[in-house]
């Protein structure tokens, strides 16, 4: 499309935002964009409509169809309401749960959502203040609601906000509902949105959900006795200004841990996230203050949750007493190893139990499952796909844990999204278990590598913002499909998987069908030496992600640093080979 044509289209869309349906502040900002000779902001704000991706609706806050604001939120909610009324037309009272995190405008958007649902005759259970994402999922099932909305942009930078849509099973919407909602939203004009609330249909919830949620989280504990023996485990926790501050310390206390230190500066609710550049526990910088306190207290573990408290990051001391970060793959690995081995040790592991990981998460988990004769399933990135596996096996098999490399874990099925509240609590138990054995969390990780093989995983994010960036990412995927690698860092590629065509091809040229519930724009390559490379555009951020995993043999913990360095070098060579 020529730029002049694109500008004309954006101007036409922007002029619709000059109607009296929009408030004067919004109209003034749109007029300023239209009058500005530089049309960059106009294009970025109006060149497309925000769409549901792997995490729902997410974008930079501001005016325009491609921005998060009460009007985009309003039209999305009106479309969602219309869809719910179509799907549950025989139900006397449709209801939804509305939740939000600490971000700027989150409360405003949440109240707007509740108002619109109520205006459409749908009962809205609105949390009294910020709550973790997993509690929103729990509340939907607990209250028997037909859907839910959580206003959050998870771990994105401070200028973002988002809208996660949930279905009656407490999971984020999947096909056909995601497509159905988008179709309904696309029909909505601003004049269709019913902003005037029916206050009789809005019920404020809070402690009445907190208590049953915490009781369910407590049931995840596998070894309460080990907690009693190490109740004074020294824990440092930070919510990074977010929703974890409400529930994580309470959950840890409920499990029996009574020596929890919260990072004071980051216990303050603040959507500007003043103490961090990005409120992302995956990034070392975000843990700076936590590490300061952990060192000062000589803590056993540092844990951090992101603004909506669905992800958990952690750090512990290595064999030299130095504080090291545990990455997302290692986090998932530790959780599933502990659940499997200790459920088995206590006679709790059943033949019908199963675990789930995403296709980009470390393959070491597969080895653990195989050794214990436990079913392990692979699914697409995003916990809605893990929830889909639970849905498929509901009443037939028991889910006992699942996670992904992006620091998310879900330890039980009473929640259908990643859950930092239960993850932090379970992590504390794992540390207590390690201490009971005279070990640290780091020692446990080394034991896993010795028994099941060393693995080094690295995620490379190539950011390409804006319309031109989206086009560049699309072209990168086309180029990779047309030029499949024959080797990676000197090791022959023996299996290629394309989840867009759902075709796998081995080194002999034999093709097979991939058994997945839907297609996805993901490529994977597997080498003779165990190397795995996955490529996928992000569904929530303007980036393309490369997941690289390399393997090695480890016979002693003293080899870890050397193998880790060697792994980094191998990853660097592969990334250079891929042109990153």
Protein backbone atom coordinates (compact mmCIF):
# COMPACT_ATOMS: atom_id res chain seq x y z
CA UNK A 1 0.00 0.00 0.00
CA UNK A 2 1.31 3.47 -0.93
CA UNK A 3 1.96 5.74 2.02
CA UNK A 4 -0.44 8.38 0.71
CA UNK A 5 -3.21 5.77 0.55
CA UNK A 6 -2.37 4.57 4.06
CA UNK A 7 -2.47 8.13 5.38
CA UNK A 8 -5.83 8.71 3.70
CA UNK A 9 -7.24 5.54 5.31
CA UNK A 10 -5.91 6.55 8.74
CA UNK A 11 -7.31 10.06 8.35
CA UNK A 12 -10.73 8.65 7.46
CA UNK A 13 -10.70 6.43 10.56
CA UNK A 14 -9.42 9.26 12.75
CA UNK A 15 -12.18 11.65 11.62
CA UNK A 16 -14.75 9.20 12.95
CA UNK A 17 -13.23 9.89 16.37
CA UNK A 18 -14.23 13.55 16.08
CA UNK A 19 -17.90 12.74 16.63
CA UNK A 20 -19.70 13.74 19.87
CA UNK A 21 -19.54 10.05 20.91
CA UNK A 22 -15.96 10.72 22.01
CA UNK A 23 -14.98 13.03 24.86
CA UNK A 24 -13.44 16.44 24.16
CA UNK A 25 -9.95 15.43 25.33
CA UNK A 26 -9.91 12.53 22.87
CA UNK A 27 -11.21 14.71 20.03
CA UNK A 28 -8.53 17.34 20.73
CA UNK A 29 -5.75 14.73 20.56
CA UNK A 30 -7.13 13.35 17.29
CA UNK A 31 -7.36 16.85 15.78
CA UNK A 32 -3.73 17.45 16.74
CA UNK A 33 -2.70 14.26 14.91
CA UNK A 34 -4.69 15.23 11.82
CA UNK A 35 -3.19 18.74 11.79
CA UNK A 36 0.39 17.55 12.30
CA UNK A 37 2.44 17.43 9.09
CA UNK A 38 4.27 14.40 10.48
CA UNK A 39 1.71 11.60 10.14
CA UNK A 40 3.73 8.97 12.06
CA UNK A 41 1.64 9.15 15.23
CA UNK A 42 -1.59 9.18 13.21
CA UNK A 43 -0.56 6.05 11.32
CA UNK A 44 0.62 4.20 14.44
CA UNK A 45 -2.63 5.07 16.24
CA UNK A 46 -5.08 4.24 13.44
CA UNK A 47 -3.47 1.94 10.85
CA UNK A 48 -5.20 -1.10 12.35
CA UNK A 49 -7.51 -2.21 15.14
CA UNK A 50 -6.11 -4.01 18.16
CA UNK A 51 -6.81 -7.74 17.81
CA UNK A 52 -6.93 -10.70 20.16
CA UNK A 53 -3.58 -12.51 20.17
CA UNK A 54 -2.15 -15.22 22.44
CA UNK A 55 -2.75 -12.90 25.41
CA UNK A 56 -5.91 -11.10 24.29
CA UNK A 57 -5.98 -7.38 23.56
CA UNK A 58 -2.81 -5.46 24.35
CA UNK A 59 -1.33 -2.14 23.28
CA UNK A 60 0.09 1.24 24.14
CA UNK A 61 -2.34 3.51 25.95
CA UNK A 62 -3.56 6.52 23.97
CA UNK A 63 -6.21 7.60 21.49
CA UNK A 64 -6.91 5.64 18.33
CA UNK A 65 -8.09 2.24 17.13
CA UNK A 66 -4.62 0.76 17.63
CA UNK A 67 -4.35 2.03 21.20
CA UNK A 68 -5.73 1.05 24.58
CA UNK A 69 -8.42 3.51 25.72
CA UNK A 70 -11.96 3.39 27.09
CA UNK A 71 -13.42 3.37 23.57
CA UNK A 72 -11.40 0.42 22.27
CA UNK A 73 -12.06 -1.31 25.59
CA UNK A 74 -15.71 -0.33 25.29
CA UNK A 75 -16.17 -1.70 21.78
CA UNK A 76 -14.34 -4.91 22.70
CA UNK A 77 -16.61 -5.33 25.73
CA UNK A 78 -19.78 -4.60 23.75
CA UNK A 79 -18.75 -7.22 21.21
CA UNK A 80 -17.90 -9.69 23.98
CA UNK A 81 -21.27 -8.99 25.62
CA UNK A 82 -23.07 -9.58 22.33
CA UNK A 83 -21.23 -12.85 21.87
CA UNK A 84 -22.00 -14.04 25.41
CA UNK A 85 -25.69 -13.26 24.92
CA UNK A 86 -25.72 -15.30 21.71
CA UNK A 87 -23.95 -18.27 23.29
CA UNK A 88 -25.88 -18.31 26.55
CA UNK A 89 -29.23 -17.04 25.31
CA UNK A 90 -31.13 -19.66 27.34
CA UNK A 91 -29.44 -18.71 30.61
CA UNK A 92 -31.57 -16.60 32.94
CA UNK A 93 -28.64 -14.51 34.20
CA UNK A 94 -25.31 -14.38 32.39
CA UNK A 95 -22.44 -13.27 34.60
CA UNK A 96 -18.78 -12.31 34.20
CA UNK A 97 -15.82 -11.58 36.49
CA UNK A 98 -13.89 -8.32 36.03
CA UNK A 99 -10.39 -7.96 37.46
CA UNK A 100 -7.44 -5.60 37.00
CA UNK A 101 -3.79 -5.06 37.90
CA UNK A 102 -1.82 -1.99 39.07
CA UNK A 103 -1.31 -0.28 35.73
CA UNK A 104 -2.29 3.28 34.94
CA UNK A 105 -5.96 3.37 33.85
CA UNK A 106 -6.52 -0.26 34.88
CA UNK A 107 -9.23 0.62 37.41
CA UNK A 108 -10.88 2.99 34.94
CA UNK A 109 -10.93 0.32 32.22
CA UNK A 110 -12.18 -2.35 34.65
CA UNK A 111 -15.04 -0.14 35.84
CA UNK A 112 -15.85 0.71 32.21
CA UNK A 113 -15.99 -3.00 31.38
CA UNK A 114 -18.26 -3.73 34.36
CA UNK A 115 -20.53 -0.80 33.43
CA UNK A 116 -20.94 -2.01 29.85
CA UNK A 117 -21.64 -5.62 30.80
CA UNK A 118 -24.25 -4.47 33.32
CA UNK A 119 -25.83 -2.14 30.76
CA UNK A 120 -26.26 -5.20 28.55
CA UNK A 121 -28.07 -7.12 31.28
CA UNK A 122 -24.99 -9.17 32.24
CA UNK A 123 -24.06 -9.40 35.91
CA UNK A 124 -20.51 -8.19 36.57
CA UNK A 125 -18.54 -9.39 39.59
CA UNK A 126 -16.00 -6.58 39.95
CA UNK A 127 -13.02 -7.00 42.30
CA UNK A 128 -12.75 -4.21 44.86
CA UNK A 129 -9.13 -3.52 43.89
CA UNK A 130 -6.23 -5.10 42.02
CA UNK A 131 -5.93 -8.90 42.12
CA UNK A 132 -3.64 -11.49 40.46
CA UNK A 133 -4.61 -12.85 37.05
CA UNK A 134 -4.99 -16.41 38.42
CA UNK A 135 -7.56 -15.24 40.97
CA UNK A 136 -9.67 -13.88 38.11
CA UNK A 137 -9.53 -17.33 36.48
CA UNK A 138 -10.40 -19.00 39.78
CA UNK A 139 -13.32 -16.65 40.45
CA UNK A 140 -14.95 -17.43 37.09
CA UNK A 141 -15.15 -21.12 37.96
CA UNK A 142 -15.93 -20.54 41.64
CA UNK A 143 -18.83 -18.18 40.89
CA UNK A 144 -20.10 -20.17 37.90
CA UNK A 145 -19.66 -17.20 35.58
CA UNK A 146 -19.77 -17.50 31.80
CA UNK A 147 -16.72 -15.36 31.16
CA UNK A 148 -14.36 -12.78 32.50
CA UNK A 149 -12.10 -9.87 31.67
CA UNK A 150 -8.80 -9.01 33.29
CA UNK A 151 -7.33 -5.59 32.58
CA UNK A 152 -3.57 -6.08 32.46
CA UNK A 153 -0.59 -5.91 30.14
CA UNK A 154 1.26 -8.50 32.20
CA UNK A 155 5.01 -7.72 32.16
CA UNK A 156 4.97 -5.22 29.27
CA UNK A 157 6.54 -1.74 29.65
CA UNK A 158 4.65 0.91 31.64
CA UNK A 159 3.01 2.59 28.62
CA UNK A 160 1.04 -0.58 27.82
CA UNK A 161 -2.24 -1.94 29.06
CA UNK A 162 -4.33 -4.89 27.96
CA UNK A 163 -7.55 -6.86 28.06
CA UNK A 164 -7.56 -10.60 28.66
CA UNK A 165 -10.85 -12.29 27.79
CA UNK A 166 -11.79 -15.51 29.60
CA UNK A 167 -14.41 -18.18 28.95
CA UNK A 168 -16.54 -20.09 31.46
CA UNK A 169 -13.83 -22.68 32.14
CA UNK A 170 -11.57 -19.93 33.51
CA UNK A 171 -9.18 -20.09 30.54
CA UNK A 172 -8.40 -17.37 28.04
CA UNK A 173 -10.61 -17.65 24.97
CA UNK A 174 -9.70 -20.09 22.23
CA UNK A 175 -11.26 -20.85 18.85
CA UNK A 176 -14.04 -20.65 17.97
CA UNK A 177 -14.79 -18.14 20.72
CA UNK A 178 -11.81 -15.86 20.06
CA UNK A 179 -12.77 -15.58 16.40
CA UNK A 180 -16.44 -15.23 17.34
CA UNK A 181 -15.71 -12.36 19.72
CA UNK A 182 -13.56 -10.60 17.12
CA UNK A 183 -16.38 -10.91 14.58
CA UNK A 184 -18.83 -9.38 17.04
CA UNK A 185 -16.39 -6.62 17.98
CA UNK A 186 -15.84 -5.78 14.29
CA UNK A 187 -19.57 -5.09 13.92
CA UNK A 188 -19.63 -2.63 16.82
CA UNK A 189 -19.49 1.12 16.30
CA UNK A 190 -18.93 3.53 19.14
CA UNK A 191 -22.62 4.45 19.06
CA UNK A 192 -23.52 0.81 19.80
CA UNK A 193 -21.61 0.75 23.09
CA UNK A 194 -23.83 0.92 26.17
CA UNK A 195 -21.70 2.89 28.62
CA UNK A 196 -24.49 3.67 31.11
CA UNK A 197 -24.22 1.13 33.94
CA UNK A 198 -27.01 -0.79 35.62
CA UNK A 199 -25.54 -0.59 39.11
CA UNK A 200 -27.89 -3.34 40.35
CA UNK A 201 -26.00 -5.80 38.15
CA UNK A 202 -22.53 -4.90 39.48
CA UNK A 203 -21.42 -6.82 42.57
CA UNK A 204 -18.15 -5.92 44.30
CA UNK A 205 -16.12 -8.97 45.33
CA UNK A 206 -12.90 -9.35 47.28
CA UNK A 207 -12.25 -11.25 50.51
CA UNK A 208 -15.15 -13.60 49.71
CA UNK A 209 -13.02 -14.86 46.78
CA UNK A 210 -9.59 -14.43 48.41
CA UNK A 211 -10.21 -16.98 51.18
CA UNK A 212 -11.44 -19.89 49.01
CA UNK A 213 -8.71 -19.16 46.47
CA UNK A 214 -5.99 -19.32 49.15
CA UNK A 215 -7.48 -22.55 50.51
CA UNK A 216 -7.24 -24.12 47.06
CA UNK A 217 -3.66 -22.88 46.62
CA UNK A 218 -2.80 -24.56 49.92
CA UNK A 219 -3.93 -27.95 48.56
CA UNK A 220 -1.01 -27.90 46.10
CA UNK A 221 1.47 -28.55 48.91
CA UNK A 222 2.94 -32.05 48.60
CA UNK A 223 4.93 -32.18 51.86
CA UNK A 224 3.49 -29.95 54.64
CA UNK A 225 5.81 -31.61 57.17
CA UNK A 226 8.94 -30.31 55.47
CA UNK A 227 7.47 -26.79 55.75
CA UNK A 228 6.94 -27.25 59.48
CA UNK A 229 10.59 -28.21 59.87
CA UNK A 230 11.75 -25.18 57.86
CA UNK A 231 9.02 -22.64 58.52
CA UNK A 232 11.71 -20.01 59.13
CA UNK A 233 13.17 -20.35 55.62
CA UNK A 234 14.47 -16.87 54.73
CA UNK A 235 12.39 -15.65 51.79
CA UNK A 236 12.67 -12.31 50.00
CA UNK A 237 9.73 -11.41 47.79
CA UNK A 238 8.91 -8.50 45.49
CA UNK A 239 5.67 -7.89 43.56
CA UNK A 240 7.34 -5.22 41.37
CA UNK A 241 4.57 -2.79 42.41
CA UNK A 242 1.87 -5.17 41.18
CA UNK A 243 -0.98 -7.42 42.21
CA UNK A 244 1.21 -10.02 43.91
CA UNK A 245 1.42 -7.70 46.91
CA UNK A 246 -2.19 -8.57 47.73
CA UNK A 247 -1.95 -12.37 47.77
CA UNK A 248 1.59 -13.81 47.66
CA UNK A 249 2.64 -12.85 51.23
CA UNK A 250 -0.73 -14.09 52.51
CA UNK A 251 -0.33 -17.41 50.70
CA UNK A 252 3.21 -17.93 52.00
CA UNK A 253 1.98 -17.29 55.55
CA UNK A 254 -0.97 -19.62 54.99
CA UNK A 255 1.43 -22.39 53.94
CA UNK A 256 3.37 -21.87 57.18
CA UNK A 257 6.32 -19.71 56.15
CA UNK A 258 6.87 -17.06 58.80
CA UNK A 259 10.14 -15.43 57.75
CA UNK A 260 9.12 -13.57 54.59
CA UNK A 261 10.72 -10.20 53.80
CA UNK A 262 8.93 -8.07 51.19
CA UNK A 263 10.93 -5.42 49.28
CA UNK A 264 9.41 -2.26 50.79
CA UNK A 265 9.84 0.11 47.83
CA UNK A 266 8.17 -2.36 45.45
CA UNK A 267 5.23 -3.21 47.71
CA UNK A 268 3.81 0.19 46.72
CA UNK A 269 1.12 -0.05 44.02
CA UNK A 270 2.29 2.13 41.13
CA UNK A 271 1.58 1.80 37.41
CA UNK A 272 4.63 3.89 36.59
CA UNK A 273 6.89 1.18 38.07
CA UNK A 274 9.32 3.80 39.42
CA UNK A 275 11.98 1.38 40.70
CA UNK A 276 12.42 -0.65 37.50
CA UNK A 277 12.91 0.02 33.81
CA UNK A 278 10.58 -2.84 32.92
CA UNK A 279 8.40 -4.73 35.44
CA UNK A 280 9.50 -8.09 34.10
CA UNK A 281 10.92 -10.74 36.47
CA UNK A 282 12.65 -12.33 33.46
CA UNK A 283 15.02 -9.34 33.35
CA UNK A 284 17.87 -9.20 35.85
CA UNK A 285 17.52 -5.43 36.31
CA UNK A 286 14.01 -5.88 37.73
CA UNK A 287 15.46 -7.96 40.59
CA UNK A 288 18.08 -5.40 41.63
CA UNK A 289 16.35 -4.30 44.83
CA UNK A 290 15.34 -7.85 45.64
CA UNK A 291 18.93 -9.00 45.32
CA UNK A 292 20.02 -6.13 47.54
CA UNK A 293 17.71 -7.35 50.30
CA UNK A 294 18.48 -11.02 49.71
CA UNK A 295 22.20 -10.40 50.14
CA UNK A 296 21.68 -8.24 53.22
CA UNK A 297 19.52 -10.90 54.87
CA UNK A 298 21.54 -13.89 53.58
CA UNK A 299 18.22 -15.25 52.29
CA UNK A 300 17.56 -18.75 51.01
CA UNK A 301 15.52 -17.61 48.01
CA UNK A 302 14.48 -14.46 46.15
CA UNK A 303 11.21 -14.55 44.26
CA UNK A 304 9.46 -11.89 42.15
CA UNK A 305 6.11 -11.72 40.42
CA UNK A 306 5.13 -9.48 37.50
CA UNK A 307 2.40 -6.78 37.69
CA UNK A 308 -0.53 -9.19 37.30
CA UNK A 309 1.16 -11.91 39.39
CA UNK A 310 1.02 -14.73 36.88
CA UNK A 311 4.77 -15.09 36.28
CA UNK A 312 7.47 -15.77 38.84
CA UNK A 313 11.17 -15.01 38.59
CA UNK A 314 13.71 -16.27 41.09
CA UNK A 315 17.31 -16.15 42.23
CA UNK A 316 19.31 -18.31 44.64
CA UNK A 317 22.89 -18.83 45.77
CA UNK A 318 25.17 -21.12 43.76
CA UNK A 319 27.87 -23.41 45.14
CA UNK A 320 30.20 -20.42 45.55
CA UNK A 321 27.64 -18.44 47.55
CA UNK A 322 27.02 -16.06 44.63
CA UNK A 323 23.45 -15.04 43.75
CA UNK A 324 22.40 -16.34 40.34
CA UNK A 325 19.15 -16.00 38.39
CA UNK A 326 17.12 -19.11 37.57
CA UNK A 327 15.78 -18.84 34.03
CA UNK A 328 12.29 -19.74 32.85
CA UNK A 329 13.17 -23.19 31.54
CA UNK A 330 14.97 -24.04 34.77
CA UNK A 331 11.99 -22.74 36.75
CA UNK A 332 9.56 -25.01 34.91
CA UNK A 333 12.03 -27.88 35.16
CA UNK A 334 12.39 -27.52 38.95
CA UNK A 335 8.63 -27.35 39.52
CA UNK A 336 7.81 -30.41 37.41
CA UNK A 337 10.75 -32.44 38.75
CA UNK A 338 9.61 -31.77 42.32
CA UNK A 339 5.95 -32.53 41.61
CA UNK A 340 6.72 -35.79 39.81
CA UNK A 341 9.44 -37.18 42.10
CA UNK A 342 7.79 -36.24 45.37
CA UNK A 343 4.29 -37.29 44.38
CA UNK A 344 5.87 -40.61 43.43
CA UNK A 345 7.82 -40.83 46.71
CA UNK A 346 4.62 -40.28 48.69
CA UNK A 347 2.60 -42.75 46.61
CA UNK A 348 0.47 -39.98 45.12
CA UNK A 349 1.46 -40.44 41.46
CA UNK A 350 -1.25 -42.22 39.45
CA UNK A 351 -1.15 -43.85 35.98
CA UNK A 352 -3.77 -41.35 34.78
CA UNK A 353 -1.73 -38.29 35.82
CA UNK A 354 -0.15 -36.11 33.15
CA UNK A 355 1.90 -32.93 32.80
CA UNK A 356 2.00 -30.33 30.02
CA UNK A 357 4.75 -28.15 28.62
CA UNK A 358 4.82 -25.87 25.60
CA UNK A 359 6.68 -26.85 22.44
CA UNK A 360 9.41 -24.23 23.05
CA UNK A 361 10.14 -25.35 26.63
CA UNK A 362 13.17 -27.52 27.52
CA UNK A 363 13.16 -31.15 26.43
CA UNK A 364 14.77 -32.22 29.72
CA UNK A 365 11.23 -32.32 31.12
CA UNK A 366 10.39 -35.04 28.61
CA UNK A 367 13.26 -37.17 29.94
CA UNK A 368 11.99 -36.84 33.52
CA UNK A 369 8.46 -37.82 32.48
CA UNK A 370 9.72 -40.80 30.48
CA UNK A 371 11.82 -42.11 33.38
CA UNK A 372 8.79 -42.00 35.67
CA UNK A 373 6.44 -43.43 33.00
CA UNK A 374 4.29 -40.31 33.14
CA UNK A 375 2.43 -38.85 30.18
CA UNK A 376 3.84 -35.52 29.01
CA UNK A 377 2.02 -33.40 26.45
CA UNK A 378 3.37 -30.63 24.25
CA UNK A 379 1.18 -27.67 23.36
CA UNK A 380 1.48 -24.22 21.82
CA UNK A 381 2.83 -21.23 23.73
CA UNK A 382 0.26 -19.71 26.06
CA UNK A 383 -1.58 -21.14 29.03
CA UNK A 384 -4.88 -21.20 27.18
CA UNK A 385 -3.39 -24.18 25.33
CA UNK A 386 -2.41 -25.88 28.59
CA UNK A 387 -5.97 -25.21 29.77
CA UNK A 388 -7.21 -26.77 26.55
CA UNK A 389 -5.39 -30.01 27.41
CA UNK A 390 -7.15 -30.00 30.79
CA UNK A 391 -10.47 -29.42 29.04
CA UNK A 392 -9.86 -32.37 26.71
CA UNK A 393 -9.13 -34.76 29.60
CA UNK A 394 -11.58 -33.39 32.17
CA UNK A 395 -12.99 -36.25 34.24
CA UNK A 396 -10.74 -38.85 32.59
CA UNK A 397 -7.18 -37.93 33.57
CA UNK A 398 -5.63 -35.72 36.25
CA UNK A 399 -3.46 -32.72 35.40
CA UNK A 400 -0.69 -32.32 38.00
CA UNK A 401 1.34 -29.44 36.60
CA UNK A 402 2.45 -27.56 33.54
CA UNK A 403 4.42 -24.57 32.43
CA UNK A 404 6.45 -22.79 29.82
CA UNK A 405 9.81 -21.11 29.42
CA UNK A 406 8.42 -17.61 29.99
CA UNK A 407 8.41 -17.97 33.78
CA UNK A 408 4.82 -19.15 34.00
CA UNK A 409 3.64 -22.21 35.91
CA UNK A 410 0.24 -23.68 36.77
CA UNK A 411 0.37 -26.31 39.50
CA UNK A 412 -3.30 -27.37 39.59
CA UNK A 413 -6.45 -27.16 37.51
CA UNK A 414 -8.63 -25.04 39.83
CA UNK A 415 -6.96 -22.14 38.00
CA UNK A 416 -6.73 -22.21 34.20
CA UNK A 417 -3.96 -19.68 33.74
CA UNK A 418 -0.40 -19.30 34.98
CA UNK A 419 -0.30 -18.58 38.68
CA UNK A 420 2.52 -16.83 40.54
CA UNK A 421 0.69 -17.10 43.87
CA UNK A 422 0.74 -20.90 43.89
CA UNK A 423 4.14 -20.95 42.14
CA UNK A 424 5.77 -18.78 44.83
CA UNK A 425 4.26 -20.95 47.54
CA UNK A 426 5.38 -24.19 45.88
CA UNK A 427 8.81 -22.73 45.24
CA UNK A 428 9.19 -22.02 48.95
CA UNK A 429 8.29 -25.66 49.68
CA UNK A 430 10.91 -26.87 47.18
CA UNK A 431 13.51 -24.73 48.94
CA UNK A 432 12.40 -26.18 52.30
CA UNK A 433 12.69 -29.68 50.80
CA UNK A 434 16.21 -28.88 49.56
CA UNK A 435 17.21 -27.54 52.99
CA UNK A 436 15.84 -30.69 54.58
CA UNK A 437 18.31 -32.63 52.42
CA UNK A 438 21.17 -30.32 53.35
CA UNK A 439 21.04 -28.74 49.90
CA UNK A 440 20.04 -25.51 48.16
CA UNK A 441 17.74 -24.94 45.19
CA UNK A 442 20.87 -24.64 43.07
CA UNK A 443 22.07 -28.05 44.25
CA UNK A 444 18.74 -29.59 43.24
CA UNK A 445 19.07 -28.08 39.76
CA UNK A 446 22.58 -29.53 39.45
CA UNK A 447 21.29 -32.96 40.51
CA UNK A 448 18.65 -32.80 37.76
CA UNK A 449 21.27 -31.95 35.12
CA UNK A 450 23.53 -34.78 36.26
CA UNK A 451 20.70 -37.32 36.10
CA UNK A 452 18.89 -36.12 32.97
CA UNK A 453 21.51 -34.20 30.98
CA UNK A 454 22.66 -30.58 30.82
CA UNK A 455 20.64 -28.15 28.76
CA UNK A 456 21.23 -24.51 27.90
CA UNK A 457 18.30 -22.50 26.63
CA UNK A 458 18.32 -18.99 25.33
CA UNK A 459 15.53 -16.80 23.97
CA UNK A 460 16.41 -14.07 21.52
CA UNK A 461 13.80 -11.35 21.00
CA UNK A 462 14.11 -9.35 17.79
CA UNK A 463 11.90 -6.28 18.23
CA UNK A 464 10.32 -4.64 15.19
CA UNK A 465 7.69 -2.09 16.30
CA UNK A 466 4.95 -0.54 14.19
CA UNK A 467 3.43 -1.42 10.84
CA UNK A 468 6.76 -1.71 9.02
CA UNK A 469 8.03 -3.93 11.82
CA UNK A 470 5.05 -6.28 11.52
CA UNK A 471 5.70 -6.59 7.79
CA UNK A 472 9.40 -7.29 8.39
CA UNK A 473 8.57 -10.05 10.89
CA UNK A 474 6.16 -11.62 8.42
CA UNK A 475 8.86 -11.59 5.72
CA UNK A 476 11.40 -13.17 8.10
CA UNK A 477 9.05 -16.13 8.62
CA UNK A 478 8.59 -16.46 4.84
CA UNK A 479 12.36 -16.46 4.32
CA UNK A 480 12.92 -19.15 6.97
CA UNK A 481 10.23 -21.36 5.42
CA UNK A 482 11.78 -21.01 1.98
CA UNK A 483 15.33 -21.62 3.23
CA UNK A 484 15.23 -24.42 5.80
CA UNK A 485 18.59 -24.96 7.54
CA UNK A 486 20.40 -28.22 6.78
CA UNK A 487 22.71 -27.93 9.80
CA UNK A 488 23.08 -25.79 12.89
CA UNK A 489 26.50 -25.20 14.41
CA UNK A 490 27.86 -28.21 12.55
CA UNK A 491 25.13 -30.64 13.60
CA UNK A 492 22.81 -32.06 10.95
CA UNK A 493 19.16 -31.05 11.15
CA UNK A 494 17.18 -34.32 11.24
CA UNK A 495 13.64 -33.01 11.78
CA UNK A 496 11.78 -29.92 10.59
CA UNK A 497 8.36 -28.99 11.97
CA UNK A 498 6.05 -26.35 10.53
CA UNK A 499 3.03 -25.73 12.73
CA UNK A 500 1.43 -23.48 10.12
CA UNK A 501 1.09 -26.38 7.68
CA UNK A 502 1.12 -28.99 10.48
CA UNK A 503 3.73 -30.95 8.55
CA UNK A 504 6.90 -32.54 9.98
CA UNK A 505 9.70 -33.75 7.71
CA UNK A 506 12.63 -35.96 8.71
CA UNK A 507 16.13 -36.25 7.20
CA UNK A 508 14.96 -38.96 4.79
CA UNK A 509 12.32 -36.62 3.39
CA UNK A 510 9.48 -38.53 5.01
CA UNK A 511 6.56 -36.29 5.94
CA UNK A 512 4.10 -36.76 8.78
CA UNK A 513 1.14 -34.83 10.16
CA UNK A 514 1.54 -32.92 13.41
CA UNK A 515 -1.27 -33.67 15.85
CA UNK A 516 -2.21 -30.22 17.15
CA UNK A 517 -5.62 -28.63 17.84
CA UNK A 518 -4.97 -25.73 15.47
CA UNK A 519 -2.32 -24.23 13.22
CA UNK A 520 0.24 -21.71 14.50
CA UNK A 521 2.93 -19.63 12.84
CA UNK A 522 5.84 -21.57 14.42
CA UNK A 523 8.88 -23.30 12.94
CA UNK A 524 11.07 -25.86 14.74
CA UNK A 525 14.30 -27.56 13.79
CA UNK A 526 15.88 -30.50 15.64
CA UNK A 527 19.53 -31.60 15.23
CA UNK A 528 21.36 -34.89 15.72
CA UNK A 529 23.13 -33.57 18.82
CA UNK A 530 19.87 -32.60 20.56
CA UNK A 531 19.86 -28.92 19.57
CA UNK A 532 16.36 -27.49 19.14
CA UNK A 533 15.51 -24.14 17.55
CA UNK A 534 12.01 -22.67 17.57
CA UNK A 535 10.93 -19.51 15.74
CA UNK A 536 7.65 -17.66 16.29
CA UNK A 537 6.30 -14.12 16.10
CA UNK A 538 5.00 -12.95 19.48
CA UNK A 539 1.22 -12.77 19.77
CA UNK A 540 1.30 -9.88 22.25
CA UNK A 541 4.37 -7.79 21.44
CA UNK A 542 6.02 -6.39 18.26
CA UNK A 543 8.79 -8.98 18.13
CA UNK A 544 9.86 -12.29 16.66
CA UNK A 545 11.21 -14.82 19.15
CA UNK A 546 13.95 -17.42 18.69
CA UNK A 547 14.22 -20.19 21.26
CA UNK A 548 17.52 -22.07 21.12
CA UNK A 549 18.26 -25.15 23.24
CA UNK A 550 21.60 -27.00 23.22
CA UNK A 551 22.48 -30.19 25.11
CA UNK A 552 25.51 -31.73 26.78
CA UNK A 553 26.49 -34.42 29.30
CA UNK A 554 27.17 -33.39 32.89
CA UNK A 555 28.62 -35.84 35.41
CA UNK A 556 29.52 -33.46 38.24
CA UNK A 557 28.21 -30.10 39.47
CA UNK A 558 31.70 -28.61 39.12
CA UNK A 559 31.28 -28.84 35.32
CA UNK A 560 28.25 -26.52 35.24
CA UNK A 561 30.05 -23.21 34.68
CA UNK A 562 32.17 -24.68 31.89
CA UNK A 563 29.18 -26.30 30.19
CA UNK A 564 27.16 -23.12 30.60
CA UNK A 565 29.90 -21.06 28.94
CA UNK A 566 30.21 -23.61 26.17
CA UNK A 567 26.43 -23.54 25.73
CA UNK A 568 26.42 -19.75 25.41
CA UNK A 569 29.10 -19.97 22.72
CA UNK A 570 27.06 -22.56 20.81
CA UNK A 571 23.94 -20.41 21.06
CA UNK A 572 25.89 -17.38 19.79
CA UNK A 573 27.16 -19.34 16.79
CA UNK A 574 23.64 -20.56 15.96
CA UNK A 575 22.18 -17.05 16.28
CA UNK A 576 24.88 -15.67 14.01
CA UNK A 577 24.16 -18.45 11.53
CA UNK A 578 20.48 -17.43 11.55
CA UNK A 579 21.42 -13.80 10.91
CA UNK A 580 20.32 -12.50 14.31
